[in-house]
Each structure stands twice: as C-alpha cells, then as structure tokens.
Protein backbone atom coordinates (compact mmCIF):
# COMPACT_ATOMS: atom_id res chain seq x y z
CA MET A 1 12.96 -4.85 40.36
CA PRO A 2 12.86 -4.47 36.54
CA PHE A 3 13.07 -7.61 34.43
CA LEU A 4 15.82 -6.21 32.15
CA SER A 5 18.21 -3.56 33.41
CA VAL A 6 20.75 -1.86 31.15
CA ASP A 7 23.09 0.31 33.20
CA GLY A 8 25.62 2.61 31.54
CA ILE A 9 26.76 0.25 28.78
CA SER A 10 29.26 1.41 26.16
CA LYS A 11 30.83 -0.25 23.13
CA ARG A 12 33.70 0.96 20.99
CA PHE A 13 35.06 -0.39 17.72
CA GLY A 14 38.56 0.96 17.19
CA GLY A 15 38.30 4.70 17.70
CA VAL A 16 34.53 4.81 17.12
CA THR A 17 32.08 4.82 20.03
CA ALA A 18 28.98 2.95 18.82
CA VAL A 19 27.12 2.97 22.16
CA ASP A 20 27.84 5.62 24.79
CA GLN A 21 26.70 5.00 28.39
CA VAL A 22 23.20 3.78 27.53
CA SER A 23 20.83 3.04 30.41
CA PHE A 24 17.20 1.89 30.55
CA ALA A 25 15.03 -0.66 32.34
CA ILE A 26 12.19 -2.80 31.00
CA ASP A 27 9.49 -4.54 33.03
CA ARG A 28 8.00 -7.93 32.26
CA GLY A 29 5.37 -8.06 29.55
CA GLN A 30 6.35 -4.84 27.77
CA VAL A 31 6.67 -4.59 23.98
CA VAL A 32 9.30 -1.90 23.49
CA GLY A 33 10.11 -0.23 20.17
CA PHE A 34 13.81 0.60 19.74
CA LEU A 35 14.34 3.26 17.07
CA GLY A 36 17.24 5.19 15.66
CA PRO A 37 18.86 6.17 12.36
CA ASN A 38 21.39 3.90 10.68
CA GLY A 39 24.58 3.74 12.69
CA ALA A 40 22.94 5.06 15.85
CA GLY A 41 23.82 2.00 17.95
CA LYS A 42 20.54 0.01 17.85
CA SER A 43 21.90 -3.29 16.62
CA THR A 44 25.03 -3.01 18.76
CA THR A 45 22.90 -2.48 21.88
CA MET A 46 20.67 -5.43 20.99
CA ARG A 47 23.69 -7.63 20.37
CA MET A 48 25.05 -6.76 23.81
CA ILE A 49 21.70 -7.68 25.38
CA THR A 50 21.84 -11.07 23.61
CA GLN A 51 25.53 -11.52 24.63
CA PHE A 52 26.70 -11.53 21.03
CA TYR A 53 28.95 -8.64 22.12
CA GLU A 54 30.34 -7.92 25.57
CA PRO A 55 30.02 -4.29 26.75
CA ASP A 56 33.26 -2.39 27.18
CA ALA A 57 31.67 -0.72 30.21
CA GLY A 58 28.43 -1.00 32.16
CA THR A 59 26.20 -3.90 33.16
CA ILE A 60 23.19 -5.72 31.71
CA SER A 61 21.07 -7.73 34.14
CA LEU A 62 18.07 -10.08 34.01
CA ASP A 63 16.06 -10.13 37.23
CA GLY A 64 18.92 -8.36 38.97
CA VAL A 65 21.58 -10.90 37.93
CA PRO A 66 24.31 -9.57 35.58
CA LEU A 67 24.54 -11.44 32.29
CA ALA A 68 28.27 -11.76 32.82
CA ASP A 69 27.58 -13.82 35.96
CA SER A 70 24.72 -15.95 34.65
CA GLY A 71 26.30 -16.93 31.30
CA ARG A 72 24.45 -19.74 29.50
CA ALA A 73 21.57 -19.63 31.97
CA ALA A 74 20.76 -16.11 30.75
CA LYS A 75 21.07 -17.14 27.09
CA ARG A 76 18.44 -19.80 27.66
CA ARG A 77 16.01 -17.02 28.60
CA ILE A 78 16.64 -14.89 25.49
CA GLY A 79 15.40 -15.37 21.93
CA TYR A 80 17.03 -13.40 19.11
CA LEU A 81 16.12 -12.71 15.49
CA ALA A 82 19.06 -10.95 13.85
CA GLU A 83 18.56 -8.31 11.16
CA ASN A 84 19.82 -10.54 8.34
CA ASN A 85 17.87 -13.60 9.65
CA PRO A 86 20.60 -16.20 8.99
CA LEU A 87 19.09 -19.52 7.88
CA TYR A 88 20.51 -22.73 6.41
CA GLU A 89 18.83 -22.68 3.01
CA ASP A 90 19.69 -26.27 2.10
CA MET A 91 17.74 -27.60 5.08
CA LEU A 92 14.05 -28.37 5.35
CA VAL A 93 12.17 -26.16 7.80
CA HIS A 94 11.58 -29.22 10.01
CA ASP A 95 15.27 -30.17 9.99
CA TYR A 96 16.35 -26.61 10.74
CA LEU A 97 14.05 -26.29 13.76
CA ALA A 98 15.18 -29.74 14.95
CA PHE A 99 18.77 -28.51 14.69
CA ILE A 100 17.92 -25.41 16.72
CA ALA A 101 16.19 -27.65 19.28
CA ASP A 102 19.43 -29.63 19.58
CA LEU A 103 21.40 -26.43 20.14
CA ARG A 104 18.88 -25.37 22.78
CA GLU A 105 19.29 -28.78 24.47
CA LEU A 106 15.59 -29.59 24.18
CA ALA A 107 14.81 -33.28 24.64
CA GLY A 108 11.97 -35.67 25.37
CA PRO A 109 8.33 -34.59 25.39
CA PRO A 110 9.18 -30.89 26.00
CA ARG A 111 11.09 -30.89 22.70
CA GLY A 112 8.10 -31.99 20.63
CA GLN A 113 5.78 -29.69 22.51
CA ALA A 114 8.10 -26.72 21.95
CA MET A 115 8.42 -27.41 18.21
CA ASP A 116 4.66 -27.83 17.80
CA ALA A 117 4.02 -24.58 19.71
CA ALA A 118 6.57 -22.59 17.66
CA VAL A 119 5.19 -23.90 14.35
CA ALA A 120 1.61 -23.12 15.34
CA ALA A 121 2.47 -19.66 16.73
CA THR A 122 4.26 -18.60 13.54
CA GLY A 123 1.87 -20.27 11.07
CA ILE A 124 4.45 -22.27 9.12
CA GLU A 125 2.59 -25.59 9.00
CA SER A 126 2.19 -25.40 5.21
CA VAL A 127 5.96 -25.10 4.61
CA TYR A 128 7.15 -27.35 7.44
CA TYR A 129 8.64 -29.97 5.08
CA ARG A 130 9.84 -27.61 2.35
CA PRO A 131 13.43 -26.47 1.75
CA ILE A 132 14.13 -23.05 3.22
CA ALA A 133 15.63 -21.98 -0.12
CA GLU A 134 12.17 -22.25 -1.73
CA LEU A 135 10.38 -20.06 0.83
CA SER A 136 9.16 -16.52 0.27
CA LYS A 137 10.67 -13.69 2.28
CA GLY A 138 7.62 -13.63 4.54
CA PHE A 139 7.86 -17.33 5.38
CA ARG A 140 11.60 -17.02 5.96
CA GLN A 141 10.91 -14.34 8.54
CA ARG A 142 8.35 -16.63 10.15
CA VAL A 143 10.92 -19.43 10.32
CA GLY A 144 13.36 -16.99 11.91
CA LEU A 145 10.75 -16.08 14.51
CA ALA A 146 10.03 -19.76 15.12
CA GLN A 147 13.65 -20.47 15.97
CA ALA A 148 13.74 -17.40 18.22
CA ILE A 149 10.78 -18.56 20.32
CA LEU A 150 11.43 -22.31 20.13
CA HIS A 151 12.88 -22.52 23.65
CA ARG A 152 10.09 -20.30 25.05
CA PRO A 153 12.31 -17.38 26.07
CA ASP A 154 11.31 -14.75 28.61
CA LEU A 155 12.91 -12.00 26.47
CA LEU A 156 12.52 -11.77 22.69
CA VAL A 157 14.88 -9.44 20.79
CA LEU A 158 13.86 -8.71 17.18
CA ASP A 159 16.15 -6.66 14.93
CA GLU A 160 14.26 -5.35 11.86
CA PRO A 161 11.88 -8.36 11.64
CA THR A 162 9.86 -6.83 8.76
CA GLU A 163 12.80 -5.63 6.67
CA GLY A 164 12.26 -6.34 2.97
CA LEU A 165 8.66 -7.50 3.32
CA ASP A 166 5.77 -6.26 1.22
CA PRO A 167 2.88 -4.42 2.96
CA ASN A 168 0.74 -7.55 3.35
CA GLN A 169 3.64 -9.51 4.81
CA ARG A 170 4.40 -6.64 7.20
CA VAL A 171 0.84 -6.76 8.52
CA GLU A 172 1.10 -10.53 9.09
CA ILE A 173 4.45 -10.32 10.92
CA ARG A 174 3.25 -7.30 12.94
CA ARG A 175 0.17 -9.24 14.04
CA LEU A 176 2.38 -12.18 14.97
CA ILE A 177 4.70 -9.99 17.05
CA GLY A 178 1.72 -8.52 18.88
CA ALA A 179 0.54 -12.03 19.75
CA LEU A 180 4.01 -13.08 20.90
CA GLY A 181 4.23 -10.00 23.12
CA LYS A 182 1.28 -11.18 25.20
CA ASP A 183 3.41 -13.93 26.76
CA ARG A 184 6.88 -12.42 26.93
CA THR A 185 8.92 -9.21 26.95
CA VAL A 186 9.80 -8.00 23.45
CA ILE A 187 12.37 -5.48 22.18
CA LEU A 188 11.62 -4.56 18.57
CA SER A 189 13.92 -2.57 16.30
CA THR A 190 12.41 -1.16 13.12
CA HIS A 191 12.67 1.72 10.65
CA VAL A 192 8.90 1.65 10.05
CA LEU A 193 7.51 4.08 12.62
CA SER A 194 3.89 3.08 12.03
CA GLU A 195 4.77 -0.40 13.27
CA VAL A 196 5.80 1.05 16.61
CA GLN A 197 2.43 2.79 17.06
CA GLN A 198 0.54 -0.38 16.20
CA THR A 199 2.70 -2.90 18.06
CA CYS A 200 4.57 -1.30 20.95
CA SER A 201 3.51 0.17 24.29
CA ARG A 202 6.81 1.95 24.91
CA LEU A 203 9.45 3.60 22.77
CA LEU A 204 13.20 4.11 23.08
CA ILE A 205 14.98 6.36 20.58
CA ILE A 206 18.76 6.21 20.26
CA SER A 207 20.88 8.74 18.37
CA ARG A 208 24.66 8.77 18.03
CA GLY A 209 24.98 6.12 20.69
CA LYS A 210 22.81 7.81 23.34
CA ILE A 211 19.18 7.41 24.40
CA VAL A 212 17.36 10.65 23.48
CA ALA A 213 13.75 9.61 24.24
CA ASP A 214 12.10 7.03 26.46
CA GLY A 215 8.42 6.72 27.33
CA PRO A 216 4.96 5.43 26.43
CA VAL A 217 4.24 5.73 22.71
CA ASP A 218 1.09 7.84 23.16
CA GLN A 219 2.88 10.31 25.45
CA LEU A 220 5.75 10.74 23.00
CA ILE A 221 3.29 11.28 20.15
CA ALA A 222 1.60 13.99 22.22
CA LYS A 223 5.01 15.51 22.85
CA ALA A 224 5.62 15.45 19.10
CA ALA A 225 2.64 17.74 18.47
CA GLY A 226 4.09 20.91 17.01
CA ALA A 227 7.61 19.48 16.94
CA GLY A 228 7.96 20.78 13.41
CA ALA A 229 6.50 24.17 14.35
CA GLY A 230 9.20 25.24 16.77
CA ALA A 231 9.70 25.28 20.51
CA GLY A 232 6.51 25.80 22.53
CA ALA A 233 4.34 25.95 19.41
CA ILE A 234 1.34 24.05 18.11
CA GLU A 235 -0.29 23.91 14.69
CA ILE A 236 -4.03 24.39 14.06
CA ALA A 237 -5.67 23.59 10.73
CA VAL A 238 -8.52 25.90 9.67
CA GLU A 239 -10.68 25.75 6.55
CA ALA A 240 -13.41 28.35 6.11
CA ALA A 241 -15.38 30.28 3.47
CA GLY A 242 -15.74 34.01 4.00
CA ALA A 243 -14.04 37.38 3.68
CA GLY A 244 -10.58 38.06 5.09
CA VAL A 245 -10.12 34.66 6.72
CA ALA A 246 -6.32 34.47 6.66
CA GLU A 247 -5.85 38.12 7.62
CA ALA A 248 -8.23 37.96 10.60
CA LEU A 249 -6.71 34.72 11.88
CA GLY A 250 -3.23 36.21 11.63
CA ARG A 251 -4.26 39.04 13.97
CA LEU A 252 -5.29 36.69 16.78
CA SER A 253 -3.12 36.97 19.87
CA GLY A 254 -0.59 34.12 20.03
CA VAL A 255 -0.53 33.36 16.31
CA ARG A 256 3.07 33.26 15.08
CA ARG A 257 2.51 32.37 11.46
CA VAL A 258 -0.28 31.69 8.97
CA THR A 259 0.60 29.21 6.21
CA PRO A 260 -1.95 29.01 3.36
CA ALA A 261 -2.76 25.74 1.62
CA PRO A 262 -1.53 25.54 -1.99
CA VAL A 263 -5.02 25.37 -3.50
CA ALA A 264 -8.35 26.86 -2.39
CA VAL A 265 -11.45 24.76 -3.15
CA ASP A 266 -14.90 26.22 -3.94
CA GLY A 267 -14.01 29.60 -2.51
CA ARG A 268 -12.78 28.16 0.76
CA VAL A 269 -9.57 29.26 2.43
CA ALA A 270 -7.42 26.60 4.09
CA VAL A 271 -4.58 27.65 6.36
CA THR A 272 -2.35 26.23 9.08
CA LEU A 273 -1.79 28.45 12.11
CA THR A 274 1.44 28.17 14.04
CA ALA A 275 0.56 29.43 17.51
CA ASP A 276 1.84 29.53 21.07
CA GLY A 277 1.10 26.28 22.86
CA SER A 278 0.28 28.01 26.15
CA ARG A 279 -3.46 28.10 25.40
CA ASP A 280 -6.03 26.60 23.04
CA LEU A 281 -7.07 29.10 20.34
CA ARG A 282 -9.84 26.96 18.86
CA PRO A 283 -12.70 28.51 20.90
CA GLU A 284 -11.53 31.99 19.82
CA ILE A 285 -11.34 30.90 16.19
CA PHE A 286 -14.85 29.44 16.38
CA ALA A 287 -16.19 32.66 17.94
CA LEU A 288 -14.40 34.71 15.28
CA ALA A 289 -15.99 32.64 12.52
CA GLN A 290 -19.43 33.20 14.01
CA SER A 291 -18.93 36.96 14.34
CA ARG A 292 -17.61 37.28 10.76
CA GLY A 293 -20.28 35.03 9.25
CA TRP A 294 -17.78 32.50 7.93
CA THR A 295 -18.76 28.96 7.07
CA LEU A 296 -16.33 26.82 9.03
CA TYR A 297 -15.47 23.52 7.37
CA GLU A 298 -12.50 22.42 9.45
CA LEU A 299 -10.94 23.35 12.79
CA HIS A 300 -8.55 21.00 14.55
CA ARG A 301 -5.21 20.88 16.25
CA GLN A 302 -2.66 19.03 14.19
CA ALA A 303 -1.72 15.73 15.79
CA GLY A 304 1.93 15.08 16.45
CA THR A 305 3.64 12.22 14.66
CA LEU A 306 6.52 9.97 15.56
CA GLU A 307 8.18 11.16 12.36
CA ASP A 308 8.23 14.72 13.72
CA LEU A 309 9.71 13.65 17.04
CA PHE A 310 12.18 11.23 15.42
CA GLN A 311 13.52 13.88 13.07
CA GLN A 312 13.71 16.50 15.80
CA LEU A 313 15.67 14.24 18.17
CA THR A 314 17.98 12.54 15.67
CA GLN A 315 18.90 15.48 13.43
CA LYS A 316 20.18 17.81 16.16
CA GLY A 317 23.87 18.30 15.62
CA ALA A 318 23.92 15.77 12.81
C-alpha cells in the first residue's frame, strides 16, 4: 500500500478547472519533485494534500485512510511550507516556534525535544532570539522549514522553498531538504529544474491541471535526450579537423540534419547531427574519421535535459 495516494482529484474555481482528475501514489521515504508552469495546478494540488482546500472530486489518502475521514489526525502527520512562507515578523524566532508548538499541541518533554531538534536541523541557533523582521531571506526560509518539521511529520510538503534566494542560499536550503528527506516523505515544488536533479529521486510534471510525466528523475532525463530534435531522434556532437567533415557526415545513413557550430576554431569543424534514434552512429562516425584521416576532437551523444522534457510536455497545445 502506498503511503500517499491521490486518486482522481479535481478542483474548480468558478468556471476554471485548476486540477483535472490528477492521480499518483508516493511511497514512504521518497523525495518527489513536483513541477509545472505557473497556473498549472501545482500549488492547488499541494493545498489539497495539506487539507487547505477540499477536492471537488476524488480522494486523497494516507496509509489507505482518506483525509476526509481522518481529519485532524492526518494534519498532525503533515508539515507544510507555503510558497509565501507566512511568518509573524514582530515575534522572536523562539516565540514564533513556541506558538507553533502550542498550535501543534506539543507539551512536556516532547515539546522541548521537538523544538531543539527543529532548530538544530535547520541551523537557526544563531538567530533563535532575534526578531523575524530582522532576518535575511535565507534565515526566514529556514524558520519556515523549522515550523514545518516541528511536530515531526511523516509527510513534508514544500511549495517553492528556495524562491527569492541567492545561489548560496539555494545551495544551503537544498542541502537541508536533502537531509530532511532521509527521515520522511517530501513533496517539493520548484521552478529551478537543477534542484530537482540534485534533490529528488522522482519527478511529477503537471500541465494545465493534468499529470503529463511521472517517473524516476534519471529515466525522465534519458527520455528527454533528443526531445528538442524531434520524435525518435537523437543529437550527436562532432568536432573534427579534416576535409569535407560536414558533407561526409551528412551522407551517413540515418542522419536527418547537420547543424554547424557558429564558429570554427583552429581549422576544426564542429557540428551537431540530428539522427534517427534507432541505432548508435558513433562507431560509424569514428570509422569514417579514421578512413578520411580526420583528427577527431569530440564525439558524444548529447545528454537530455529536464528543460527539454519540461518544454516539450508543457508547451503542447499551449
């Protein structure tokens, strides 16, 4: 049985369908990236999982029990960092976390242990007695994460946790999320695709309210190879010095297109071959270079990127 099961949920606002019969299941211990363009339904889906919204149709379950039936018991198992990270700026960090502990009904020794663990996990010891209004954006995000994990939830839902951070702060928060994911299930929404590759083991892509991709990150990256080249195609980068390089490569069986690089360096010719993906042309290219006496400087298949796949899946029919 999956830990989190989302079965055919939909949500409408007036005449607009924000989420349209979305289904997926997540096992314990997974860190799942949840991607999509603005307005695709990411935040709405995450808010339904956290019970901020009720689905108009469909069911969300934890360990097989629908959220609608478990109520507050399910909320105790979920931690949520909203996109805008709402904080009470006039409070000290300590007072704010104590307030959250009250809301989470933490008392006695477990309360102190939970606060100490959240502070240590998020690295906010140095600002613990400072007003939230004086904190940098990075520390505010850390405080938001601290409140989300304070009650030691089984499921952590993070909506754009690195939004507005500088590159160094992004690295720190990304490292923190990776550490948090070792002990709990995490759903992470972000616009920064590199964060997904470095943090998540699985990826969900939503577009216009529907799930359009679901799978391990490495498999989807492999699927993305040649996504910009056309259906059934791959791209091979070749750089060589010799006579008639581009012309000879263009005559190879299976080559659809030869795209030259803008600038040749030291007499070299650099091209990108768009070729049928049914077979690997690199051995033939290597043999051709040997027979023609070319000096081969580069020969590799272009790796797919999440950007390629993301654009391909979210721009169709846009």
